[in-house]
PDB file of N, CA and C in Angstrom:
ATOM      1  N   MET A   1     -24.294  29.112  -8.686  1.00  0.00           N
ATOM      2  CA  MET A   1     -22.926  27.939  -8.298  1.00  0.00           C
ATOM      3  C   MET A   1     -22.632  28.451  -6.576  1.00  0.00           C
ATOM      4  N   ILE A   2     -22.475  27.392  -5.640  1.00  0.00           N
ATOM      5  CA  ILE A   2     -21.767  27.713  -4.561  1.00  0.00           C
ATOM      6  C   ILE A   2     -20.584  27.630  -4.538  1.00  0.00           C
ATOM      7  N   GLU A   3     -19.664  28.340  -3.967  1.00  0.00           N
ATOM      8  CA  GLU A   3     -18.486  28.702  -4.028  1.00  0.00           C
ATOM      9  C   GLU A   3     -18.049  28.506  -2.426  1.00  0.00           C
ATOM     10  N   LEU A   4     -16.753  27.333  -2.239  1.00  0.00           N
ATOM     11  CA  LEU A   4     -16.500  27.159  -1.013  1.00  0.00           C
ATOM     12  C   LEU A   4     -15.013  27.535  -1.122  1.00  0.00           C
ATOM     13  N   PRO A   5     -14.765  28.215   0.430  1.00  0.00           N
ATOM     14  CA  PRO A   5     -13.245  28.496   0.014  1.00  0.00           C
ATOM     15  C   PRO A   5     -12.276  27.603   0.261  1.00  0.00           C
ATOM     16  N   TYR A   6     -11.168  27.657  -0.299  1.00  0.00           N
ATOM     17  CA  TYR A   6     -10.132  26.704  -0.556  1.00  0.00           C
ATOM     18  C   TYR A   6      -9.735  25.902   0.802  1.00  0.00           C
ATOM     19  N   SER A   7      -9.934  26.779   2.036  1.00  0.00           N
ATOM     20  CA  SER A   7      -9.510  26.410   3.384  1.00  0.00           C
ATOM     21  C   SER A   7     -10.659  25.071   3.699  1.00  0.00           C
ATOM     22  N   TYR A   8     -11.852  25.176   3.252  1.00  0.00           N
ATOM     23  CA  TYR A   8     -12.805  23.969   3.301  1.00  0.00           C
ATOM     24  C   TYR A   8     -12.123  22.279   2.987  1.00  0.00           C
ATOM     25  N   PHE A   9     -11.312  22.588   1.754  1.00  0.00           N
ATOM     26  CA  PHE A   9     -10.780  21.214   1.569  1.00  0.00           C
ATOM     27  C   PHE A   9      -9.521  20.730   2.379  1.00  0.00           C
ATOM     28  N   LEU A  10      -9.387  19.737   2.974  1.00  0.00           N
ATOM     29  CA  LEU A  10      -8.041  19.562   3.390  1.00  0.00           C
ATOM     30  C   LEU A  10      -7.192  19.352   2.632  1.00  0.00           C
ATOM     31  N   SER A  11      -5.833  19.750   2.965  1.00  0.00           N
ATOM     32  CA  SER A  11      -4.926  19.184   1.848  1.00  0.00           C
ATOM     33  C   SER A  11      -3.406  19.079   2.821  1.00  0.00           C
ATOM     34  N   ILE A  12      -2.779  18.393   2.593  1.00  0.00           N
ATOM     35  CA  ILE A  12      -1.390  17.806   3.305  1.00  0.00           C
ATOM     36  C   ILE A  12      -0.178  18.557   2.660  1.00  0.00           C
ATOM     37  N   ALA A  13       0.591  19.155   3.198  1.00  0.00           N
ATOM     38  CA  ALA A  13       1.712  19.882   2.523  1.00  0.00           C
ATOM     39  C   ALA A  13       2.744  18.601   2.534  1.00  0.00           C
ATOM     40  N   PHE A  14       3.612  18.565   1.398  1.00  0.00           N
ATOM     41  CA  PHE A  14       4.428  17.621   1.398  1.00  0.00           C
ATOM     42  C   PHE A  14       5.517  18.024   0.648  1.00  0.00           C
ATOM     43  N   GLY A  15       6.437  18.685   1.199  1.00  0.00           N
ATOM     44  CA  GLY A  15       7.373  19.919   0.508  1.00  0.00           C
ATOM     45  C   GLY A  15       6.756  21.139   0.195  1.00  0.00           C
ATOM     46  N   GLU A  16       6.833  21.419  -1.239  1.00  0.00           N
ATOM     47  CA  GLU A  16       6.437  22.378  -1.892  1.00  0.00           C
ATOM     48  C   GLU A  16       4.981  22.014  -2.461  1.00  0.00           C
ATOM     49  N   ILE A  17       4.685  20.835  -2.245  1.00  0.00           N
ATOM     50  CA  ILE A  17       3.314  20.344  -2.914  1.00  0.00           C
ATOM     51  C   ILE A  17       2.158  20.046  -2.145  1.00  0.00           C
ATOM     52  N   GLU A  18       0.994  20.409  -2.446  1.00  0.00           N
ATOM     53  CA  GLU A  18       0.109  20.110  -1.157  1.00  0.00           C
ATOM     54  C   GLU A  18      -0.716  19.023  -1.980  1.00  0.00           C
ATOM     55  N   LEU A  19      -1.037  17.910  -1.453  1.00  0.00           N
ATOM     56  CA  LEU A  19      -1.913  16.782  -1.887  1.00  0.00           C
ATOM     57  C   LEU A  19      -3.273  17.031  -0.977  1.00  0.00           C
ATOM     58  N   SER A  20      -4.358  16.456  -1.973  1.00  0.00           N
ATOM     59  CA  SER A  20      -5.470  16.084  -1.216  1.00  0.00           C
ATOM     60  C   SER A  20      -5.595  15.107  -0.140  1.00  0.00           C
ATOM     61  N   THR A  21      -6.371  15.343   0.838  1.00  0.00           N
ATOM     62  CA  THR A  21      -6.490  13.808   1.425  1.00  0.00           C
ATOM     63  C   THR A  21      -6.956  12.543   0.830  1.00  0.00           C
ATOM     64  N   THR A  22      -7.550  12.767  -0.372  1.00  0.00           N
ATOM     65  CA  THR A  22      -7.981  11.772  -1.242  1.00  0.00           C
ATOM     66  C   THR A  22      -6.688  11.015  -1.583  1.00  0.00           C
ATOM     67  N   THR A  23      -6.029  11.925  -2.381  1.00  0.00           N
ATOM     68  CA  THR A  23      -4.854  11.248  -3.019  1.00  0.00           C
ATOM     69  C   THR A  23      -3.981  10.813  -2.118  1.00  0.00           C
ATOM     70  N   VAL A  24      -3.827  11.562  -0.775  1.00  0.00           N
ATOM     71  CA  VAL A  24      -2.550  10.838   0.314  1.00  0.00           C
ATOM     72  C   VAL A  24      -3.650   9.341   0.745  1.00  0.00           C
ATOM     73  N   SER A  25      -4.974   9.376   0.797  1.00  0.00           N
ATOM     74  CA  SER A  25      -5.426   7.844   1.131  1.00  0.00           C
ATOM     75  C   SER A  25      -5.466   6.922   0.223  1.00  0.00           C
ATOM     76  N   ILE A  26      -5.427   7.169  -1.317  1.00  0.00           N
ATOM     77  CA  ILE A  26      -5.187   6.230  -2.176  1.00  0.00           C
ATOM     78  C   ILE A  26      -3.872   6.007  -2.153  1.00  0.00           C
ATOM     79  N   LEU A  27      -3.047   6.862  -2.274  1.00  0.00           N
ATOM     80  CA  LEU A  27      -1.734   6.216  -2.269  1.00  0.00           C
ATOM     81  C   LEU A  27      -1.348   5.403  -0.883  1.00  0.00           C
ATOM     82  N   ILE A  28      -1.893   5.535   0.296  1.00  0.00           N
ATOM     83  CA  ILE A  28      -1.678   4.604   1.160  1.00  0.00           C
ATOM     84  C   ILE A  28      -2.246   3.522   1.197  1.00  0.00           C
ATOM     85  N   GLY A  29      -3.541   3.203   0.789  1.00  0.00           N
ATOM     86  CA  GLY A  29      -4.066   2.375   0.391  1.00  0.00           C
ATOM     87  C   GLY A  29      -3.382   1.238  -0.354  1.00  0.00           C
ATOM     88  N   ILE A  30      -2.980   2.005  -1.493  1.00  0.00           N
ATOM     89  CA  ILE A  30      -2.312   1.278  -2.687  1.00  0.00           C
ATOM     90  C   ILE A  30      -1.085   0.275  -2.111  1.00  0.00           C
ATOM     91  N   SER A  31      -0.409   1.480  -1.324  1.00  0.00           N
ATOM     92  CA  SER A  31       1.208   0.906  -0.533  1.00  0.00           C
ATOM     93  C   SER A  31       0.565  -0.291   0.461  1.00  0.00           C
ATOM     94  N   VAL A  32      -0.604  -0.262   1.019  1.00  0.00           N
ATOM     95  CA  VAL A  32      -0.789  -1.267   1.624  1.00  0.00           C
ATOM     96  C   VAL A  32      -1.124  -2.699   1.364  1.00  0.00           C
ATOM     97  N   PHE A  33      -1.774  -2.356   0.160  1.00  0.00           N
ATOM     98  CA  PHE A  33      -2.140  -3.745  -0.609  1.00  0.00           C
ATOM     99  C   PHE A  33      -0.915  -4.364  -1.170  1.00  0.00           C
ATOM    100  N   ILE A  34      -0.264  -3.275  -1.644  1.00  0.00           N
ATOM    101  CA  ILE A  34       1.032  -3.918  -2.417  1.00  0.00           C
ATOM    102  C   ILE A  34       1.583  -4.459  -1.097  1.00  0.00           C
ATOM    103  N   PHE A  35       1.977  -4.376  -0.180  1.00  0.00           N
ATOM    104  CA  PHE A  35       2.716  -4.482   1.231  1.00  0.00           C
ATOM    105  C   PHE A  35       2.250  -6.014   1.580  1.00  0.00           C
ATOM    106  N   ILE A  36       0.968  -6.247   1.546  1.00  0.00           N
ATOM    107  CA  ILE A  36       0.444  -7.270   2.168  1.00  0.00           C
ATOM    108  C   ILE A  36       0.298  -8.383   0.792  1.00  0.00           C
ATOM    109  N   ALA A  37       0.187  -8.184  -0.340  1.00  0.00           N
ATOM    110  CA  ALA A  37       0.414  -8.979  -1.371  1.00  0.00           C
ATOM    111  C   ALA A  37       1.850  -9.667  -1.569  1.00  0.00           C
ATOM    112  N   VAL A  38       3.024  -8.730  -1.349  1.00  0.00           N
ATOM    113  CA  VAL A  38       4.162  -9.040  -1.412  1.00  0.00           C
ATOM    114  C   VAL A  38       4.312 -10.157   0.015  1.00  0.00           C
ATOM    115  N   GLY A  39       3.982  -9.827   0.916  1.00  0.00           N
ATOM    116  CA  GLY A  39       4.219 -10.447   2.118  1.00  0.00           C
ATOM    117  C   GLY A  39       3.293 -12.007   1.950  1.00  0.00           C
ATOM    118  N   ILE A  40       2.316 -11.960   1.203  1.00  0.00           N
ATOM    119  CA  ILE A  40       1.721 -13.244   1.216  1.00  0.00           C
ATOM    120  C   ILE A  40       2.530 -14.153   0.038  1.00  0.00           C
ATOM    121  N   SER A  41       3.158 -13.455  -0.926  1.00  0.00           N
ATOM    122  CA  SER A  41       3.619 -14.128  -2.111  1.00  0.00           C
ATOM    123  C   SER A  41       5.140 -14.607  -1.545  1.00  0.00           C
ATOM    124  N   SER A  42       5.437 -13.954  -0.524  1.00  0.00           N
ATOM    125  CA  SER A  42       6.915 -14.432  -0.062  1.00  0.00           C
ATOM    126  C   SER A  42       6.743 -15.640   0.924  1.00  0.00           C
ATOM    127  N   PHE A  43       5.537 -15.420   1.773  1.00  0.00           N
ATOM    128  CA  PHE A  43       5.425 -16.598   2.744  1.00  0.00           C
ATOM    129  C   PHE A  43       5.028 -17.498   1.820  1.00  0.00           C
ATOM    130  N   SER A  44       4.597 -17.468   0.635  1.00  0.00           N
ATOM    131  CA  SER A  44       4.043 -18.960  -0.150  1.00  0.00           C
ATOM    132  C   SER A  44       5.043 -19.530  -0.825  1.00  0.00           C
ATOM    133  N   LEU A  45       6.135 -18.442  -0.968  1.00  0.00           N
ATOM    134  CA  LEU A  45       7.466 -19.305  -1.785  1.00  0.00           C
ATOM    135  C   LEU A  45       8.284 -19.853  -0.773  1.00  0.00           C
ATOM    136  N   ILE A  46       8.468 -19.287   0.412  1.00  0.00           N
ATOM    137  CA  ILE A  46       9.312 -19.907   1.664  1.00  0.00           C
ATOM    138  C   ILE A  46       8.723 -21.093   2.030  1.00  0.00           C
ATOM    139  N   ARG A  47       7.177 -21.314   2.224  1.00  0.00           N
ATOM    140  CA  ARG A  47       6.580 -22.396   2.569  1.00  0.00           C
ATOM    141  C   ARG A  47       7.009 -23.711   1.333  1.00  0.00           C
ATOM    142  N   SER A  48       6.708 -23.405   0.224  1.00  0.00           N
ATOM    143  CA  SER A  48       6.638 -24.207  -0.993  1.00  0.00           C
ATOM    144  C   SER A  48       8.154 -24.743  -1.035  1.00  0.00           C
ATOM    145  N   THR A  49       9.007 -23.863  -0.496  1.00  0.00           N
ATOM    146  CA  THR A  49      10.658 -24.125  -0.874  1.00  0.00           C
ATOM    147  C   THR A  49      11.015 -25.093   0.657  1.00  0.00           C
ATOM    148  N   LEU A  50      10.169 -24.969   1.595  1.00  0.00           N
ATOM    149  CA  LEU A  50      10.438 -25.737   2.617  1.00  0.00           C
ATOM    150  C   LEU A  50       9.871 -27.182   2.635  1.00  0.00           C
ATOM    151  N   LEU A  51       8.546 -26.870   2.056  1.00  0.00           N
ATOM    152  CA  LEU A  51       7.819 -28.299   1.618  1.00  0.00           C
ATOM    153  C   LEU A  51       8.629 -29.469   0.515  1.00  0.00           C
ATOM    154  N   SER A  52       9.098 -28.435  -0.270  1.00  0.00           N
ATOM    155  CA  SER A  52       9.823 -29.520  -1.491  1.00  0.00           C
ATOM    156  C   SER A  52      11.327 -29.818  -1.026  1.00  0.00           C
ATOM    157  N   ASP A  53      11.978 -29.151   0.103  1.00  0.00           N
ATOM    158  CA  ASP A  53      13.377 -29.792   0.934  1.00  0.00           C
ATOM    159  C   ASP A  53      12.760 -30.799   1.526  1.00  0.00           C
ATOM    160  N   GLU A  54      11.552 -30.697   2.116  1.00  0.00           N
ATOM    161  CA  GLU A  54      11.093 -32.188   3.053  1.00  0.00           C
ATOM    162  C   GLU A  54      10.811 -33.338   2.410  1.00  0.00           C
ATOM    163  N   GLU A  55      10.247 -32.990   1.236  1.00  0.00           N
ATOM    164  CA  GLU A  55       9.797 -34.065   0.306  1.00  0.00           C
ATOM    165  C   GLU A  55      11.219 -35.057  -0.477  1.00  0.00           C
ATOM    166  N   ASN A  56      12.167 -33.900  -0.607  1.00  0.00           N
ATOM    167  CA  ASN A  56      13.555 -34.625  -1.218  1.00  0.00           C
ATOM    168  C   ASN A  56      14.367 -35.398   0.228  1.00  0.00           C
ATOM    169  N   GLU A  57      13.785 -34.965   1.267  1.00  0.00           N
ATOM    170  CA  GLU A  57      14.846 -35.736   2.373  1.00  0.00           C
ATOM    171  C   GLU A  57      14.314 -37.075   2.277  1.00  0.00           C
ATOM    172  N   ASN A  58      13.206 -37.333   2.316  1.00  0.00           N
ATOM    173  CA  ASN A  58      12.399 -38.686   2.046  1.00  0.00           C
ATOM    174  C   ASN A  58      12.655 -39.635   1.082  1.00  0.00           C
TER     175      ASN A  58
END
């Protein structure tokens, strides 16, 4: 069995907690995905509201 030193694996210190780069990248990916999804949803909601307002004026 090959033993690698702990310093071989990259980790990011977050206060007293050390997170692996895989964990950090997964958290960033989920955050970006949710941010984009909320942006698209908000844009669609505003667009549909504006379109229904224009139809009501006619």
